[in-house]
Amino acid sequence: MAAHHELMGGKLHVYKRENSTYWQCSTFLGGKNHRVSTKEDSLALAKDFAEDWS
């Protein structure tokens, strides 16, 4: 994992995979890990997407 950022007190994660231009976001909720691509290459826009998604 090339880059990793935590949001919302560590409950939400924004990260970039090595072979991707897009940021991903994930959270652990209800005993399951949920992940989705933000389809953003800007970290600031990816963080905004992740906060709205969670």
Protein backbone atom coordinates (compact mmCIF):
# COMPACT_ATOMS: atom_id res chain seq x y z
CA MET A 1 0.00 0.00 0.00
CA ALA A 2 1.65 3.19 -1.18
CA ALA A 3 -0.31 5.78 0.82
CA HIS A 4 -2.80 5.56 3.70
CA HIS A 5 -4.79 8.21 5.57
CA GLU A 6 -7.19 7.80 8.49
CA LEU A 7 -10.32 9.89 8.93
CA MET A 8 -13.04 10.13 11.58
CA GLY A 9 -10.82 8.98 14.43
CA GLY A 10 -9.44 6.00 12.51
CA LYS A 11 -12.85 4.56 11.59
CA LEU A 12 -12.51 5.50 7.93
CA HIS A 13 -9.47 4.83 5.76
CA VAL A 14 -8.46 6.38 2.45
CA TYR A 15 -5.67 4.63 0.62
CA LYS A 16 -4.12 4.21 -2.79
CA ARG A 17 -3.14 0.85 -4.24
CA GLU A 18 0.22 0.59 -5.99
CA ASN A 19 -1.15 0.06 -9.50
CA SER A 20 -4.09 2.45 -9.32
CA THR A 21 -4.48 6.15 -9.98
CA TYR A 22 -7.66 6.30 -7.88
CA TRP A 23 -7.99 6.49 -4.11
CA GLN A 24 -9.98 3.77 -2.31
CA CYS A 25 -11.88 4.08 0.97
CA SER A 26 -12.84 1.49 3.55
CA THR A 27 -14.55 1.15 6.89
CA PHE A 28 -15.34 -1.70 9.29
CA LEU A 29 -19.03 -1.65 10.12
CA GLY A 30 -21.38 -4.30 11.46
CA GLY A 31 -18.63 -6.90 11.63
CA LYS A 32 -17.74 -6.49 7.94
CA ASN A 33 -15.17 -4.54 5.98
CA HIS A 34 -16.72 -2.28 3.33
CA ARG A 35 -14.57 -0.90 0.51
CA VAL A 36 -15.22 1.26 -2.54
CA SER A 37 -13.23 3.21 -5.10
CA THR A 38 -13.61 6.96 -4.81
CA LYS A 39 -12.83 7.29 -8.55
CA GLU A 40 -10.79 10.36 -7.60
CA ASP A 41 -7.09 10.95 -8.17
CA SER A 42 -7.05 13.98 -5.85
CA LEU A 43 -6.58 13.17 -2.16
CA ALA A 44 -8.73 16.13 -1.06
CA LEU A 45 -11.62 15.06 -3.29
CA ALA A 46 -11.19 11.43 -2.21
CA LYS A 47 -11.44 12.46 1.45
CA ASP A 48 -14.63 14.41 0.72
CA PHE A 49 -16.08 11.40 -1.11
CA ALA A 50 -15.15 9.05 1.74
CA GLU A 51 -16.77 11.24 4.41
CA ASP A 52 -19.98 11.47 2.38
CA TRP A 53 -19.90 7.72 1.68
CA SER A 54 -19.50 6.61 5.29
